[in-house]
């Protein structure tokens, strides 16, 4: 079996040191195993994606010495694949429309209760306001509103309750090796996540699962901030009869105050280091490679 890794940035801003670390790590791991490294552009959010940022991503990666195999997969060209998966889940009664705004969810979550409102890998855990008592399966599914996964129905549809994945890196709490996912933990700490965002045709959770399968990825290399979301992805893989790759969650690159770098951290953009005369070897040293 060919060893395949990938780097999947969004063209919504400049690549920073955190991106460089993730891309270099995945590239190094692939080359060490005589495998292949693939590039994917996650541009499903067309309201924020820009062609100039995509061009800059290519330029920065090539400058770092990163090369990729084959053609670049672009999510904006894969709408039919996402629609087919949504139709499959909808026809099984595992999705439902949701018209709640973020404010609606915050208000419901702030209702009198014990402790702070629960958060999961998708933000505030959805309180189930729009969840129907009976599933609606009449096609086509609605596209003018969000669609959520009915988690309890989805779990009940599995032929086997066993869920898990193999981790070669570690989660924020040091979780590594075989990671078991219990149904109770999904219900308590994840909830009904969005699989179709209005005006987007899909969501991150759905698209990343389908794209990894389409590219034949065998090792997903990404930051520890996505470790908890892996539980959602493993469940979707089971529901859609897709393989579960091995995962490697790595440490996050942070600033001097311990804050994780984000797109808004232009001061740490690769392009600025390049303009100041840094070399690819300098970038490797900055991120600890």
Protein backbone atom coordinates (compact mmCIF):
# COMPACT_ATOMS: atom_id res chain seq x y z
CA UNK A 1 0.00 0.00 0.00
CA UNK A 2 1.35 3.41 -0.99
CA UNK A 3 1.92 5.83 1.88
CA UNK A 4 -0.03 9.04 1.17
CA UNK A 5 -0.13 12.24 3.18
CA UNK A 6 -1.59 15.62 2.32
CA UNK A 7 -1.61 19.31 3.16
CA UNK A 8 -4.99 21.02 2.87
CA UNK A 9 -4.87 24.80 3.42
CA UNK A 10 -7.71 27.26 2.84
CA UNK A 11 -6.94 30.17 0.46
CA UNK A 12 -8.30 32.79 2.84
CA UNK A 13 -5.05 34.39 3.99
CA UNK A 14 -1.28 33.95 4.09
CA UNK A 15 0.46 30.78 5.24
CA UNK A 16 2.17 31.29 8.61
CA UNK A 17 4.71 29.33 10.64
CA UNK A 18 2.05 26.91 11.87
CA UNK A 19 1.14 26.02 8.30
CA UNK A 20 4.80 25.62 7.42
CA UNK A 21 5.33 23.20 10.29
CA UNK A 22 2.35 21.04 9.35
CA UNK A 23 3.20 20.97 5.64
CA UNK A 24 6.91 20.28 6.22
CA UNK A 25 6.16 17.54 8.75
CA UNK A 26 3.72 15.76 6.41
CA UNK A 27 6.13 16.17 3.48
CA UNK A 28 9.07 14.83 5.49
CA UNK A 29 7.07 11.84 6.74
CA UNK A 30 6.00 11.00 3.21
CA UNK A 31 9.51 11.21 1.77
CA UNK A 32 10.95 9.14 4.64
CA UNK A 33 8.55 6.32 3.69
CA UNK A 34 9.00 6.67 -0.07
CA UNK A 35 5.38 7.74 -0.25
CA UNK A 36 3.45 10.50 -1.95
CA UNK A 37 2.51 13.95 -0.70
CA UNK A 38 -0.65 15.55 -2.07
CA UNK A 39 -1.99 19.09 -2.01
CA UNK A 40 -5.64 19.98 -1.53
CA UNK A 41 -7.14 23.46 -1.57
CA UNK A 42 -10.05 23.71 0.87
CA UNK A 43 -11.99 26.51 -0.79
CA UNK A 44 -15.59 25.57 0.02
CA UNK A 45 -16.10 28.99 1.60
CA UNK A 46 -16.19 30.94 -1.63
CA UNK A 47 -17.13 34.12 0.23
CA UNK A 48 -13.61 34.21 1.71
CA UNK A 49 -11.46 32.24 -0.74
CA UNK A 50 -9.31 34.31 -3.09
CA UNK A 51 -7.28 33.21 -6.16
CA UNK A 52 -4.33 35.35 -5.07
CA UNK A 53 -4.10 33.49 -1.76
CA UNK A 54 -4.13 30.17 -3.59
CA UNK A 55 -1.29 31.36 -5.79
CA UNK A 56 0.62 32.51 -2.70
CA UNK A 57 0.16 29.07 -1.10
CA UNK A 58 1.78 27.41 -4.11
CA UNK A 59 4.64 29.92 -4.10
CA UNK A 60 5.35 29.52 -0.37
CA UNK A 61 5.27 25.72 -0.51
CA UNK A 62 7.64 25.57 -3.48
CA UNK A 63 9.99 28.02 -1.75
CA UNK A 64 10.03 25.74 1.32
CA UNK A 65 11.12 22.88 -0.94
CA UNK A 66 7.76 21.11 -0.83
CA UNK A 67 6.62 19.33 -3.98
CA UNK A 68 3.41 17.40 -4.48
CA UNK A 69 2.26 14.55 -6.67
CA UNK A 70 -0.47 14.78 -9.29
CA UNK A 71 -3.01 17.53 -9.72
CA UNK A 72 -4.21 19.73 -6.90
CA UNK A 73 -7.67 18.78 -5.62
CA UNK A 74 -9.93 21.79 -5.14
CA UNK A 75 -13.06 21.46 -3.03
CA UNK A 76 -14.97 24.03 -5.07
CA UNK A 77 -14.96 21.52 -7.95
CA UNK A 78 -16.41 18.64 -5.90
CA UNK A 79 -19.97 19.79 -5.20
CA UNK A 80 -21.57 16.70 -6.84
CA UNK A 81 -19.62 14.39 -4.51
CA UNK A 82 -20.75 16.27 -1.42
CA UNK A 83 -24.35 16.37 -2.67
CA UNK A 84 -24.38 12.60 -3.26
CA UNK A 85 -23.17 11.93 0.29
CA UNK A 86 -25.76 14.29 1.76
CA UNK A 87 -28.50 12.63 -0.28
CA UNK A 88 -27.42 9.23 1.01
CA UNK A 89 -27.54 10.35 4.64
CA UNK A 90 -30.81 12.24 4.12
CA UNK A 91 -32.53 9.23 2.53
CA UNK A 92 -31.62 7.20 5.62
CA UNK A 93 -33.27 9.75 7.91
CA UNK A 94 -29.97 10.81 9.48
CA UNK A 95 -30.15 14.54 8.65
CA UNK A 96 -32.60 17.29 9.49
CA UNK A 97 -32.99 20.97 8.53
CA UNK A 98 -31.95 23.56 11.10
CA UNK A 99 -32.93 27.23 10.94
CA UNK A 100 -31.33 28.25 14.24
CA UNK A 101 -28.96 31.18 14.18
CA UNK A 102 -25.83 31.29 16.29
CA UNK A 103 -27.64 33.65 18.65
CA UNK A 104 -30.53 31.17 18.96
CA UNK A 105 -28.11 28.43 19.96
CA UNK A 106 -26.31 30.66 22.45
CA UNK A 107 -29.63 31.67 24.02
CA UNK A 108 -30.80 28.07 24.35
CA UNK A 109 -27.44 26.99 25.75
CA UNK A 110 -27.50 29.83 28.29
CA UNK A 111 -30.84 28.71 29.78
CA UNK A 112 -30.70 28.00 33.53
CA UNK A 113 -28.72 24.81 34.09
CA UNK A 114 -25.85 23.40 36.08
CA UNK A 115 -22.41 24.64 35.04
CA UNK A 116 -21.26 26.42 31.90
CA UNK A 117 -22.84 25.74 28.47
CA UNK A 118 -21.18 22.62 27.01
CA UNK A 119 -18.76 23.05 24.11
CA UNK A 120 -17.65 20.41 21.65
CA UNK A 121 -15.38 20.26 18.59
CA UNK A 122 -18.02 22.15 16.58
CA UNK A 123 -18.56 24.90 19.17
CA UNK A 124 -21.56 25.04 21.48
CA UNK A 125 -23.25 21.64 21.56
CA UNK A 126 -26.54 22.01 19.71
CA UNK A 127 -29.53 21.74 22.09
CA UNK A 128 -31.71 19.97 19.51
CA UNK A 129 -34.20 22.79 18.95
CA UNK A 130 -34.96 21.80 15.33
CA UNK A 131 -34.49 18.05 15.74
CA UNK A 132 -37.67 16.31 14.49
CA UNK A 133 -39.38 13.51 16.36
CA UNK A 134 -39.66 11.59 13.10
CA UNK A 135 -37.13 11.66 10.25
CA UNK A 136 -37.98 13.25 6.91
CA UNK A 137 -36.53 11.36 3.95
CA UNK A 138 -38.33 12.80 0.92
CA UNK A 139 -35.76 13.82 -1.68
CA UNK A 140 -34.38 16.21 -2.65
CA UNK A 141 -33.00 17.48 0.62
CA UNK A 142 -33.37 21.24 1.28
CA UNK A 143 -30.39 23.40 0.34
CA UNK A 144 -31.64 26.76 1.59
CA UNK A 145 -30.90 25.99 5.24
CA UNK A 146 -28.36 24.12 7.34
CA UNK A 147 -28.56 20.35 7.67
CA UNK A 148 -27.52 18.67 10.91
CA UNK A 149 -26.61 15.07 11.61
CA UNK A 150 -29.12 13.44 13.95
CA UNK A 151 -26.41 11.90 16.10
CA UNK A 152 -28.59 9.55 18.10
CA UNK A 153 -30.22 8.12 14.97
CA UNK A 154 -26.83 7.89 13.26
CA UNK A 155 -25.32 5.90 16.12
CA UNK A 156 -28.36 3.61 16.24
CA UNK A 157 -27.93 2.85 12.53
CA UNK A 158 -24.44 1.37 12.97
CA UNK A 159 -24.13 -2.40 12.67
CA UNK A 160 -21.42 -2.34 15.34
CA UNK A 161 -21.10 0.23 18.14
CA UNK A 162 -17.29 0.03 18.13
CA UNK A 163 -15.62 3.22 16.88
CA UNK A 164 -12.00 4.31 17.01
CA UNK A 165 -8.82 5.24 15.17
CA UNK A 166 -5.07 4.85 15.45
CA UNK A 167 -3.05 7.90 16.51
CA UNK A 168 0.71 8.13 15.85
CA UNK A 169 1.03 11.65 17.22
CA UNK A 170 -0.93 12.71 20.26
CA UNK A 171 -3.97 14.64 21.36
CA UNK A 172 -3.81 17.65 23.69
CA UNK A 173 -3.93 15.33 26.71
CA UNK A 174 -1.25 13.01 25.32
CA UNK A 175 -3.72 10.52 23.84
CA UNK A 176 -1.91 8.22 21.43
CA UNK A 177 -2.05 4.71 20.00
CA UNK A 178 -5.46 3.11 19.71
CA UNK A 179 -8.16 5.70 20.46
CA UNK A 180 -11.54 4.31 21.46
CA UNK A 181 -14.64 6.43 20.79
CA UNK A 182 -17.68 5.66 22.90
CA UNK A 183 -21.19 6.47 21.78
CA UNK A 184 -21.88 8.09 25.16
CA UNK A 185 -18.97 10.50 24.68
CA UNK A 186 -20.24 11.49 21.24
CA UNK A 187 -23.72 12.20 22.58
CA UNK A 188 -22.43 14.12 25.59
CA UNK A 189 -19.61 16.13 24.03
CA UNK A 190 -20.28 16.43 20.28
CA UNK A 191 -23.99 16.60 19.50
CA UNK A 192 -25.75 17.16 16.18
CA UNK A 193 -23.05 18.74 14.02
CA UNK A 194 -23.74 20.68 10.81
CA UNK A 195 -22.99 18.74 7.60
CA UNK A 196 -24.43 21.29 5.18
CA UNK A 197 -23.89 24.99 5.67
CA UNK A 198 -26.22 27.34 3.88
CA UNK A 199 -24.76 28.72 0.62
CA UNK A 200 -21.76 26.38 0.91
CA UNK A 201 -23.07 23.00 -0.25
CA UNK A 202 -21.20 21.07 2.45
CA UNK A 203 -19.27 21.61 5.69
CA UNK A 204 -15.69 21.08 6.82
CA UNK A 205 -16.50 17.81 8.57
CA UNK A 206 -18.20 16.25 5.55
CA UNK A 207 -15.81 17.54 2.90
CA UNK A 208 -12.62 16.55 4.70
CA UNK A 209 -13.85 12.98 5.13
CA UNK A 210 -14.90 12.63 1.49
CA UNK A 211 -11.76 14.31 0.16
CA UNK A 212 -9.37 12.18 2.22
CA UNK A 213 -11.12 9.08 0.89
CA UNK A 214 -11.07 10.36 -2.71
CA UNK A 215 -7.34 11.04 -2.52
CA UNK A 216 -6.61 7.71 -0.84
CA UNK A 217 -4.92 9.37 2.14
CA UNK A 218 -3.40 6.78 4.49
CA UNK A 219 -2.00 9.21 7.11
CA UNK A 220 -3.69 12.49 8.03
CA UNK A 221 -1.18 14.95 9.51
CA UNK A 222 -2.74 17.96 11.24
CA UNK A 223 -2.72 20.04 14.42
CA UNK A 224 -3.85 18.93 17.86
CA UNK A 225 -6.69 21.45 17.70
CA UNK A 226 -8.48 19.00 15.38
CA UNK A 227 -7.97 15.93 17.55
CA UNK A 228 -11.47 16.02 19.06
CA UNK A 229 -13.06 16.57 15.63
CA UNK A 230 -11.57 13.26 14.53
CA UNK A 231 -14.37 11.53 16.43
CA UNK A 232 -16.87 13.16 14.06
CA UNK A 233 -14.82 12.15 11.04
CA UNK A 234 -14.53 8.52 12.12
CA UNK A 235 -18.29 8.34 12.59
CA UNK A 236 -18.91 9.83 9.13
CA UNK A 237 -16.47 7.35 7.61
CA UNK A 238 -18.49 4.51 9.10
CA UNK A 239 -21.82 5.98 7.98
CA UNK A 240 -20.55 6.48 4.41
CA UNK A 241 -18.60 3.18 4.15
CA UNK A 242 -15.26 4.96 3.82
CA UNK A 243 -11.87 3.81 5.14
CA UNK A 244 -10.45 5.37 8.29
CA UNK A 245 -6.85 6.52 7.79
CA UNK A 246 -4.21 6.67 10.49
CA UNK A 247 -4.00 10.08 12.17
CA UNK A 248 -1.01 12.06 13.36
CA UNK A 249 -1.94 15.16 15.39
CA UNK A 250 1.04 17.38 16.05
CA UNK A 251 1.85 20.18 18.47
CA UNK A 252 0.73 23.69 17.60
CA UNK A 253 3.07 26.55 16.81
CA UNK A 254 2.36 29.39 19.21
CA UNK A 255 3.50 32.98 19.68
CA UNK A 256 5.57 34.26 22.61
CA UNK A 257 2.39 34.49 24.71
CA UNK A 258 1.42 30.90 24.06
CA UNK A 259 -1.38 31.80 21.65
CA UNK A 260 -1.95 29.55 18.65
CA UNK A 261 -1.12 31.25 15.34
CA UNK A 262 -3.99 32.09 13.01
CA UNK A 263 -4.42 33.64 9.57
CA UNK A 264 -4.56 37.09 11.15
CA UNK A 265 -0.96 36.68 12.38
CA UNK A 266 0.49 38.35 9.31
CA UNK A 267 3.69 39.18 11.19
CA UNK A 268 4.52 35.47 11.08
CA UNK A 269 3.49 34.97 7.46
CA UNK A 270 5.97 32.94 5.40
CA UNK A 271 5.96 35.63 2.71
CA UNK A 272 7.18 38.25 5.21
CA UNK A 273 10.03 36.03 6.39
CA UNK A 274 10.96 35.48 2.75
CA UNK A 275 10.94 39.23 2.08
CA UNK A 276 13.21 39.76 5.09
CA UNK A 277 15.81 37.36 3.69
CA UNK A 278 15.02 34.19 5.66
CA UNK A 279 15.86 30.83 4.09
CA UNK A 280 13.83 27.61 4.13
CA UNK A 281 16.39 26.29 6.64
CA UNK A 282 15.62 29.28 8.88
CA UNK A 283 11.90 28.46 8.78
CA UNK A 284 12.64 24.83 9.70
CA UNK A 285 14.68 26.00 12.67
CA UNK A 286 11.94 28.39 13.80
CA UNK A 287 9.39 25.55 13.97
CA UNK A 288 11.75 23.02 15.50
CA UNK A 289 12.44 20.80 12.49
